[in-house]
């Protein structure tokens, strides 16, 4: 059974049709890289998966369960949207860390609100200890144990993005999503973030990565989607997409990408 099934997702902003019917599926442990020019609909698709935008058409399934269906008779409540969103962890371009909290608190805050808020006494203390332990383990995973008490302003861009990745993992999402995770980083900091994502792939994490890093997509992804004008213009394995592109639009995009470097 597919971990993620996306069926005929469409999204309009006023009269502008940004997504025109997107279909794909992912098996457990697959890494999907979504590439394409600015304005192709990549980020809007990712935001629809995370319910930061609500699709106008289509359906989304996670582990066979429908988490969104545009044709459902009853409108989704805010509570249902928040619950369905927990299937996905999202790492933003600009990190979006809370500047007033240290690194460790950035990781634990959401988990405490969701998992420990309703507990009392010993049960609450036990859950808080579990959350703190999970945060410590994830900071070690991304190589930042020594920065637990630091504040975001004291970190490099690469370190902030690694904290953001650890935070996204705190609630154990079924699918981890990245929106251009290195676009706000200097070239010398990009490698440390890409290495963490590669390690997550080796841990059999299911991931969707919107990226402009063609070499990363080629090496790490198991599946690549090229979007253009709100549709999937071409998809396949990295070998098929990068070495044997069929679409003229994809050929032009790859040539343009190569010319930038």
C-alpha atoms as a PDB file:
ATOM      1  CA  UNK A   1       0.000   0.000   0.000  1.00  0.00           C
ATOM      2  CA  UNK A   2       1.243   3.479  -0.870  1.00  0.00           C
ATOM      3  CA  UNK A   3       2.123   5.769   2.034  1.00  0.00           C
ATOM      4  CA  UNK A   4       0.929   8.799   0.069  1.00  0.00           C
ATOM      5  CA  UNK A   5      -1.590   9.030  -2.772  1.00  0.00           C
ATOM      6  CA  UNK A   6      -2.319  12.380  -4.416  1.00  0.00           C
ATOM      7  CA  UNK A   7      -5.304  12.313  -6.766  1.00  0.00           C
ATOM      8  CA  UNK A   8      -6.237  15.085  -9.220  1.00  0.00           C
ATOM      9  CA  UNK A   9      -5.225  17.981  -6.971  1.00  0.00           C
ATOM     10  CA  UNK A  10      -6.252  21.356  -8.376  1.00  0.00           C
ATOM     11  CA  UNK A  11      -5.776  24.797  -6.845  1.00  0.00           C
ATOM     12  CA  UNK A  12      -6.897  28.203  -8.063  1.00  0.00           C
ATOM     13  CA  UNK A  13      -6.121  31.661  -6.755  1.00  0.00           C
ATOM     14  CA  UNK A  14      -8.961  33.812  -8.048  1.00  0.00           C
ATOM     15  CA  UNK A  15      -8.887  33.259 -11.821  1.00  0.00           C
ATOM     16  CA  UNK A  16      -5.328  31.904 -11.819  1.00  0.00           C
ATOM     17  CA  UNK A  17      -5.207  28.099 -12.048  1.00  0.00           C
ATOM     18  CA  UNK A  18      -1.942  27.140 -10.329  1.00  0.00           C
ATOM     19  CA  UNK A  19      -2.412  23.355 -10.079  1.00  0.00           C
ATOM     20  CA  UNK A  20      -4.304  21.740 -12.932  1.00  0.00           C
ATOM     21  CA  UNK A  21      -4.645  18.136 -11.798  1.00  0.00           C
ATOM     22  CA  UNK A  22      -1.718  16.529  -9.975  1.00  0.00           C
ATOM     23  CA  UNK A  23      -1.507  12.751  -9.477  1.00  0.00           C
ATOM     24  CA  UNK A  24       1.296  10.723  -7.910  1.00  0.00           C
ATOM     25  CA  UNK A  25       1.944   8.170  -5.193  1.00  0.00           C
ATOM     26  CA  UNK A  26       4.834   7.282  -2.895  1.00  0.00           C
ATOM     27  CA  UNK A  27       5.772   4.018  -1.229  1.00  0.00           C
ATOM     28  CA  UNK A  28       7.374   3.860   2.214  1.00  0.00           C
ATOM     29  CA  UNK A  29      10.989   5.021   2.123  1.00  0.00           C
ATOM     30  CA  UNK A  30      10.737   6.689  -1.287  1.00  0.00           C
ATOM     31  CA  UNK A  31      12.166  10.168  -1.774  1.00  0.00           C
ATOM     32  CA  UNK A  32      10.377  12.345  -4.301  1.00  0.00           C
ATOM     33  CA  UNK A  33      12.205  15.366  -5.701  1.00  0.00           C
ATOM     34  CA  UNK A  34       9.969  17.985  -7.313  1.00  0.00           C
ATOM     35  CA  UNK A  35      11.779  20.246  -9.758  1.00  0.00           C
ATOM     36  CA  UNK A  36      10.684  22.982 -12.112  1.00  0.00           C
ATOM     37  CA  UNK A  37      10.934  26.680 -12.829  1.00  0.00           C
ATOM     38  CA  UNK A  38       9.525  29.373 -10.537  1.00  0.00           C
ATOM     39  CA  UNK A  39       5.768  29.596 -10.971  1.00  0.00           C
ATOM     40  CA  UNK A  40       5.362  25.973 -12.022  1.00  0.00           C
ATOM     41  CA  UNK A  41       3.278  25.134  -8.923  1.00  0.00           C
ATOM     42  CA  UNK A  42       5.856  23.241  -6.847  1.00  0.00           C
ATOM     43  CA  UNK A  43       5.468  25.141  -3.592  1.00  0.00           C
ATOM     44  CA  UNK A  44       1.684  25.395  -3.946  1.00  0.00           C
ATOM     45  CA  UNK A  45       1.546  21.606  -4.249  1.00  0.00           C
ATOM     46  CA  UNK A  46       3.627  21.211  -1.102  1.00  0.00           C
ATOM     47  CA  UNK A  47       1.422  23.691   0.756  1.00  0.00           C
ATOM     48  CA  UNK A  48      -1.668  21.749  -0.332  1.00  0.00           C
ATOM     49  CA  UNK A  49      -0.165  18.533   1.049  1.00  0.00           C
ATOM     50  CA  UNK A  50       0.384  20.268   4.379  1.00  0.00           C
ATOM     51  CA  UNK A  51      -3.037  21.977   4.330  1.00  0.00           C
ATOM     52  CA  UNK A  52      -1.515  25.436   4.392  1.00  0.00           C
ATOM     53  CA  UNK A  53      -3.589  25.801   1.241  1.00  0.00           C
ATOM     54  CA  UNK A  54      -6.819  23.866   0.762  1.00  0.00           C
ATOM     55  CA  UNK A  55      -7.156  22.188  -2.666  1.00  0.00           C
ATOM     56  CA  UNK A  56     -10.197  23.092  -4.760  1.00  0.00           C
ATOM     57  CA  UNK A  57     -10.375  19.597  -6.278  1.00  0.00           C
ATOM     58  CA  UNK A  58      -8.942  16.186  -5.614  1.00  0.00           C
ATOM     59  CA  UNK A  59      -8.107  13.880  -2.735  1.00  0.00           C
ATOM     60  CA  UNK A  60      -5.132  12.984  -0.545  1.00  0.00           C
ATOM     61  CA  UNK A  61      -4.652   9.603   1.132  1.00  0.00           C
ATOM     62  CA  UNK A  62      -2.064   8.612   3.740  1.00  0.00           C
ATOM     63  CA  UNK A  63      -1.595   4.892   4.392  1.00  0.00           C
ATOM     64  CA  UNK A  64      -4.882   4.245   2.614  1.00  0.00           C
ATOM     65  CA  UNK A  65      -6.846   6.688   4.762  1.00  0.00           C
ATOM     66  CA  UNK A  66      -8.482   9.691   3.104  1.00  0.00           C
ATOM     67  CA  UNK A  67      -7.146  12.810   4.846  1.00  0.00           C
ATOM     68  CA  UNK A  68      -8.715  15.174   2.329  1.00  0.00           C
ATOM     69  CA  UNK A  69     -11.494  14.897  -0.231  1.00  0.00           C
ATOM     70  CA  UNK A  70     -12.700  18.054  -1.946  1.00  0.00           C
ATOM     71  CA  UNK A  71     -16.078  16.406  -2.611  1.00  0.00           C
ATOM     72  CA  UNK A  72     -16.792  15.460   0.990  1.00  0.00           C
ATOM     73  CA  UNK A  73     -20.259  16.737   1.860  1.00  0.00           C
ATOM     74  CA  UNK A  74     -19.293  18.020   5.303  1.00  0.00           C
ATOM     75  CA  UNK A  75     -16.764  20.843   5.416  1.00  0.00           C
ATOM     76  CA  UNK A  76     -13.495  20.033   7.208  1.00  0.00           C
ATOM     77  CA  UNK A  77     -13.270  21.670  10.611  1.00  0.00           C
ATOM     78  CA  UNK A  78     -10.122  23.457  11.789  1.00  0.00           C
ATOM     79  CA  UNK A  79      -9.579  20.619  14.258  1.00  0.00           C
ATOM     80  CA  UNK A  80      -9.741  18.004  11.482  1.00  0.00           C
ATOM     81  CA  UNK A  81      -7.329  19.997   9.334  1.00  0.00           C
ATOM     82  CA  UNK A  82      -4.864  20.275  12.225  1.00  0.00           C
ATOM     83  CA  UNK A  83      -5.120  16.535  12.881  1.00  0.00           C
ATOM     84  CA  UNK A  84      -4.621  15.607   9.222  1.00  0.00           C
ATOM     85  CA  UNK A  85      -1.666  17.979   9.022  1.00  0.00           C
ATOM     86  CA  UNK A  86       0.161  15.836  11.589  1.00  0.00           C
ATOM     87  CA  UNK A  87       0.729  13.239   8.865  1.00  0.00           C
ATOM     88  CA  UNK A  88       3.206  15.672   7.323  1.00  0.00           C
ATOM     89  CA  UNK A  89       6.263  17.428   8.701  1.00  0.00           C
ATOM     90  CA  UNK A  90       7.245  20.577   6.805  1.00  0.00           C
ATOM     91  CA  UNK A  91      10.658  22.229   6.691  1.00  0.00           C
ATOM     92  CA  UNK A  92      10.411  25.769   5.340  1.00  0.00           C
ATOM     93  CA  UNK A  93      12.850  27.763   3.210  1.00  0.00           C
ATOM     94  CA  UNK A  94      13.389  30.366   5.927  1.00  0.00           C
ATOM     95  CA  UNK A  95      13.630  27.959   8.908  1.00  0.00           C
ATOM     96  CA  UNK A  96      10.718  29.632  10.816  1.00  0.00           C
ATOM     97  CA  UNK A  97      12.253  28.959  14.227  1.00  0.00           C
ATOM     98  CA  UNK A  98      10.897  30.805  17.253  1.00  0.00           C
ATOM     99  CA  UNK A  99      13.587  33.422  18.001  1.00  0.00           C
ATOM    100  CA  UNK A 100      12.547  33.853  21.654  1.00  0.00           C
ATOM    101  CA  UNK A 101      13.174  30.184  22.505  1.00  0.00           C
ATOM    102  CA  UNK A 102      16.365  28.171  22.602  1.00  0.00           C
ATOM    103  CA  UNK A 103      16.966  25.249  20.266  1.00  0.00           C
ATOM    104  CA  UNK A 104      15.719  22.578  22.665  1.00  0.00           C
ATOM    105  CA  UNK A 105      12.499  24.495  23.382  1.00  0.00           C
ATOM    106  CA  UNK A 106      11.902  24.987  19.652  1.00  0.00           C
ATOM    107  CA  UNK A 107      11.763  21.208  19.390  1.00  0.00           C
ATOM    108  CA  UNK A 108       9.678  20.402  22.447  1.00  0.00           C
ATOM    109  CA  UNK A 109       7.005  23.101  22.453  1.00  0.00           C
ATOM    110  CA  UNK A 110       4.584  21.665  19.858  1.00  0.00           C
ATOM    111  CA  UNK A 111       4.976  18.131  21.226  1.00  0.00           C
ATOM    112  CA  UNK A 112       4.166  19.327  24.743  1.00  0.00           C
ATOM    113  CA  UNK A 113       1.041  21.125  23.549  1.00  0.00           C
ATOM    114  CA  UNK A 114      -0.187  18.118  21.594  1.00  0.00           C
ATOM    115  CA  UNK A 115       0.904  15.238  23.795  1.00  0.00           C
ATOM    116  CA  UNK A 116       1.129  16.481  27.387  1.00  0.00           C
ATOM    117  CA  UNK A 117      -1.358  19.330  27.696  1.00  0.00           C
ATOM    118  CA  UNK A 118      -4.244  17.172  28.948  1.00  0.00           C
ATOM    119  CA  UNK A 119      -2.139  15.034  31.300  1.00  0.00           C
ATOM    120  CA  UNK A 120      -1.762  15.573  35.040  1.00  0.00           C
ATOM    121  CA  UNK A 121       0.719  14.667  37.749  1.00  0.00           C
ATOM    122  CA  UNK A 122       3.061  11.713  37.207  1.00  0.00           C
ATOM    123  CA  UNK A 123       1.656  10.935  33.749  1.00  0.00           C
ATOM    124  CA  UNK A 124       2.470  14.463  32.595  1.00  0.00           C
ATOM    125  CA  UNK A 125       5.982  14.346  34.020  1.00  0.00           C
ATOM    126  CA  UNK A 126       6.609  10.999  32.354  1.00  0.00           C
ATOM    127  CA  UNK A 127       5.403  12.336  28.992  1.00  0.00           C
ATOM    128  CA  UNK A 128       7.542  15.495  29.329  1.00  0.00           C
ATOM    129  CA  UNK A 129      10.597  13.349  30.061  1.00  0.00           C
ATOM    130  CA  UNK A 130       9.843  11.295  26.957  1.00  0.00           C
ATOM    131  CA  UNK A 131       9.525  14.446  24.830  1.00  0.00           C
ATOM    132  CA  UNK A 132      12.793  15.877  26.170  1.00  0.00           C
ATOM    133  CA  UNK A 133      14.581  12.606  25.461  1.00  0.00           C
ATOM    134  CA  UNK A 134      13.213  12.563  21.903  1.00  0.00           C
ATOM    135  CA  UNK A 135      14.438  16.135  21.375  1.00  0.00           C
ATOM    136  CA  UNK A 136      17.904  15.239  22.667  1.00  0.00           C
ATOM    137  CA  UNK A 137      18.068  12.231  20.322  1.00  0.00           C
ATOM    138  CA  UNK A 138      17.023  14.284  17.293  1.00  0.00           C
ATOM    139  CA  UNK A 139      19.535  17.033  18.026  1.00  0.00           C
ATOM    140  CA  UNK A 140      22.206  14.360  18.190  1.00  0.00           C
ATOM    141  CA  UNK A 141      20.887  12.969  14.902  1.00  0.00           C
ATOM    142  CA  UNK A 142      21.387  16.314  13.137  1.00  0.00           C
ATOM    143  CA  UNK A 143      24.729  16.947  14.862  1.00  0.00           C
ATOM    144  CA  UNK A 144      23.649  19.804  17.134  1.00  0.00           C
ATOM    145  CA  UNK A 145      23.602  18.391  20.664  1.00  0.00           C
ATOM    146  CA  UNK A 146      26.005  21.092  21.811  1.00  0.00           C
ATOM    147  CA  UNK A 147      23.632  23.832  20.590  1.00  0.00           C
ATOM    148  CA  UNK A 148      20.590  22.785  22.670  1.00  0.00           C
ATOM    149  CA  UNK A 149      20.734  25.915  24.850  1.00  0.00           C
ATOM    150  CA  UNK A 150      21.612  28.300  22.021  1.00  0.00           C
ATOM    151  CA  UNK A 151      19.117  30.681  20.431  1.00  0.00           C
ATOM    152  CA  UNK A 152      18.437  30.810  16.668  1.00  0.00           C
ATOM    153  CA  UNK A 153      20.265  34.138  16.285  1.00  0.00           C
ATOM    154  CA  UNK A 154      23.428  32.425  17.550  1.00  0.00           C
ATOM    155  CA  UNK A 155      23.330  29.752  14.828  1.00  0.00           C
ATOM    156  CA  UNK A 156      24.446  29.718  11.224  1.00  0.00           C
ATOM    157  CA  UNK A 157      21.833  29.288   8.508  1.00  0.00           C
ATOM    158  CA  UNK A 158      22.816  25.667   8.050  1.00  0.00           C
ATOM    159  CA  UNK A 159      22.491  24.994  11.774  1.00  0.00           C
ATOM    160  CA  UNK A 160      19.080  26.686  11.884  1.00  0.00           C
ATOM    161  CA  UNK A 161      17.859  24.514   9.024  1.00  0.00           C
ATOM    162  CA  UNK A 162      19.086  21.383  10.779  1.00  0.00           C
ATOM    163  CA  UNK A 163      17.167  22.455  13.883  1.00  0.00           C
ATOM    164  CA  UNK A 164      14.101  22.951  11.675  1.00  0.00           C
ATOM    165  CA  UNK A 165      14.513  19.402  10.332  1.00  0.00           C
ATOM    166  CA  UNK A 166      14.767  18.005  13.870  1.00  0.00           C
ATOM    167  CA  UNK A 167      11.667  19.968  14.877  1.00  0.00           C
ATOM    168  CA  UNK A 168       9.709  18.573  11.919  1.00  0.00           C
ATOM    169  CA  UNK A 169      10.629  15.056  13.051  1.00  0.00           C
ATOM    170  CA  UNK A 170       9.484  15.567  16.649  1.00  0.00           C
ATOM    171  CA  UNK A 171       5.881  14.536  15.955  1.00  0.00           C
ATOM    172  CA  UNK A 172       6.911  11.467  13.915  1.00  0.00           C
ATOM    173  CA  UNK A 173       5.173  12.419  10.642  1.00  0.00           C
ATOM    174  CA  UNK A 174       4.463   9.794   8.002  1.00  0.00           C
ATOM    175  CA  UNK A 175       5.877  12.049   5.283  1.00  0.00           C
ATOM    176  CA  UNK A 176       8.591  14.679   5.679  1.00  0.00           C
ATOM    177  CA  UNK A 177       8.341  17.636   3.289  1.00  0.00           C
ATOM    178  CA  UNK A 178      11.001  20.182   2.356  1.00  0.00           C
ATOM    179  CA  UNK A 179      10.381  23.456   0.521  1.00  0.00           C
ATOM    180  CA  UNK A 180      13.670  24.484  -1.103  1.00  0.00           C
ATOM    181  CA  UNK A 181      15.602  23.595   2.086  1.00  0.00           C
ATOM    182  CA  UNK A 182      18.876  25.156   0.889  1.00  0.00           C
ATOM    183  CA  UNK A 183      17.619  28.224  -0.994  1.00  0.00           C
ATOM    184  CA  UNK A 184      18.315  30.583   1.939  1.00  0.00           C
ATOM    185  CA  UNK A 185      21.816  29.211   2.539  1.00  0.00           C
ATOM    186  CA  UNK A 186      25.229  30.189   1.317  1.00  0.00           C
ATOM    187  CA  UNK A 187      26.782  27.500  -0.909  1.00  0.00           C
ATOM    188  CA  UNK A 188      29.242  26.413   1.792  1.00  0.00           C
ATOM    189  CA  UNK A 189      26.359  25.705   4.212  1.00  0.00           C
ATOM    190  CA  UNK A 190      24.215  23.798   1.721  1.00  0.00           C
ATOM    191  CA  UNK A 191      26.212  20.579   2.016  1.00  0.00           C
ATOM    192  CA  UNK A 192      25.588  20.086   5.744  1.00  0.00           C
ATOM    193  CA  UNK A 193      21.807  20.250   5.253  1.00  0.00           C
ATOM    194  CA  UNK A 194      21.838  17.949   2.237  1.00  0.00           C
ATOM    195  CA  UNK A 195      23.902  15.416   4.204  1.00  0.00           C
ATOM    196  CA  UNK A 196      21.230  15.313   6.932  1.00  0.00           C
ATOM    197  CA  UNK A 197      18.506  14.724   4.325  1.00  0.00           C
ATOM    198  CA  UNK A 198      20.584  11.944   2.778  1.00  0.00           C
ATOM    199  CA  UNK A 199      20.959  10.318   6.216  1.00  0.00           C
ATOM    200  CA  UNK A 200      17.180  10.460   6.655  1.00  0.00           C
ATOM    201  CA  UNK A 201      16.810   8.671   3.319  1.00  0.00           C
ATOM    202  CA  UNK A 202      19.086   5.931   4.611  1.00  0.00           C
ATOM    203  CA  UNK A 203      16.758   5.634   7.624  1.00  0.00           C
ATOM    204  CA  UNK A 204      13.918   4.777   5.209  1.00  0.00           C
ATOM    205  CA  UNK A 205      12.090   8.088   5.677  1.00  0.00           C
ATOM    206  CA  UNK A 206       9.407   8.923   3.119  1.00  0.00           C
ATOM    207  CA  UNK A 207      10.134  12.435   1.842  1.00  0.00           C
ATOM    208  CA  UNK A 208       8.920  15.029  -0.642  1.00  0.00           C
ATOM    209  CA  UNK A 209      11.585  17.605  -1.516  1.00  0.00           C
ATOM    210  CA  UNK A 210      10.979  20.692  -3.634  1.00  0.00           C
ATOM    211  CA  UNK A 211      14.493  21.592  -4.713  1.00  0.00           C
ATOM    212  CA  UNK A 212      16.625  23.504  -7.175  1.00  0.00           C
ATOM    213  CA  UNK A 213      19.647  21.308  -6.347  1.00  0.00           C
ATOM    214  CA  UNK A 214      19.744  19.087  -9.416  1.00  0.00           C
ATOM    215  CA  UNK A 215      22.740  17.037  -8.306  1.00  0.00           C
ATOM    216  CA  UNK A 216      21.116  16.347  -4.945  1.00  0.00           C
ATOM    217  CA  UNK A 217      17.877  15.298  -6.637  1.00  0.00           C
ATOM    218  CA  UNK A 218      19.823  13.015  -8.922  1.00  0.00           C
ATOM    219  CA  UNK A 219      21.746  11.325  -6.107  1.00  0.00           C
ATOM    220  CA  UNK A 220      19.186  11.122  -3.298  1.00  0.00           C
ATOM    221  CA  UNK A 221      15.731  10.910  -4.901  1.00  0.00           C
ATOM    222  CA  UNK A 222      14.149   7.620  -5.902  1.00  0.00           C
ATOM    223  CA  UNK A 223      11.555   9.440  -8.009  1.00  0.00           C
ATOM    224  CA  UNK A 224      11.612  12.841  -9.734  1.00  0.00           C
ATOM    225  CA  UNK A 225       8.702  14.979 -10.882  1.00  0.00           C
ATOM    226  CA  UNK A 226       9.219  17.882 -13.269  1.00  0.00           C
ATOM    227  CA  UNK A 227       6.419  20.433 -13.040  1.00  0.00           C
ATOM    228  CA  UNK A 228       5.594  23.075 -15.636  1.00  0.00           C
ATOM    229  CA  UNK A 229       2.546  25.341 -15.872  1.00  0.00           C
ATOM    230  CA  UNK A 230       0.692  23.586 -13.065  1.00  0.00           C
ATOM    231  CA  UNK A 231       0.968  20.028 -14.380  1.00  0.00           C
ATOM    232  CA  UNK A 232       3.416  17.151 -14.103  1.00  0.00           C
ATOM    233  CA  UNK A 233       5.223  17.479 -17.395  1.00  0.00           C
ATOM    234  CA  UNK A 234       7.421  14.436 -16.831  1.00  0.00           C
ATOM    235  CA  UNK A 235       8.222  11.969 -14.059  1.00  0.00           C
ATOM    236  CA  UNK A 236      10.423   8.949 -13.543  1.00  0.00           C
ATOM    237  CA  UNK A 237      13.577   7.728 -11.881  1.00  0.00           C
ATOM    238  CA  UNK A 238      16.503  10.155 -11.614  1.00  0.00           C
ATOM    239  CA  UNK A 239      18.177   8.269 -14.460  1.00  0.00           C
ATOM    240  CA  UNK A 240      15.124   8.639 -16.697  1.00  0.00           C
ATOM    241  CA  UNK A 241      14.515  12.295 -15.916  1.00  0.00           C
ATOM    242  CA  UNK A 242      18.079  13.599 -15.928  1.00  0.00           C
ATOM    243  CA  UNK A 243      19.799  11.314 -18.434  1.00  0.00           C
ATOM    244  CA  UNK A 244      16.927  10.682 -20.855  1.00  0.00           C
ATOM    245  CA  UNK A 245      14.465  13.598 -20.703  1.00  0.00           C
ATOM    246  CA  UNK A 246      11.642  13.286 -23.225  1.00  0.00           C
ATOM    247  CA  UNK A 247       9.821  16.601 -22.834  1.00  0.00           C
ATOM    248  CA  UNK A 248      11.215  19.638 -24.644  1.00  0.00           C
ATOM    249  CA  UNK A 249      10.306  21.725 -21.582  1.00  0.00           C
ATOM    250  CA  UNK A 250      12.344  19.433 -19.327  1.00  0.00           C
ATOM    251  CA  UNK A 251      15.258  19.432 -21.739  1.00  0.00           C
ATOM    252  CA  UNK A 252      15.230  23.236 -21.776  1.00  0.00           C
ATOM    253  CA  UNK A 253      14.948  23.424 -17.980  1.00  0.00           C
ATOM    254  CA  UNK A 254      17.885  21.071 -17.429  1.00  0.00           C
ATOM    255  CA  UNK A 255      20.018  22.952 -19.947  1.00  0.00           C
ATOM    256  CA  UNK A 256      19.195  26.228 -18.198  1.00  0.00           C
ATOM    257  CA  UNK A 257      20.037  24.713 -14.823  1.00  0.00           C
ATOM    258  CA  UNK A 258      23.408  23.514 -16.063  1.00  0.00           C
ATOM    259  CA  UNK A 259      24.213  26.964 -17.480  1.00  0.00           C
ATOM    260  CA  UNK A 260      23.776  28.509 -14.021  1.00  0.00           C
ATOM    261  CA  UNK A 261      26.670  26.526 -12.593  1.00  0.00           C
END
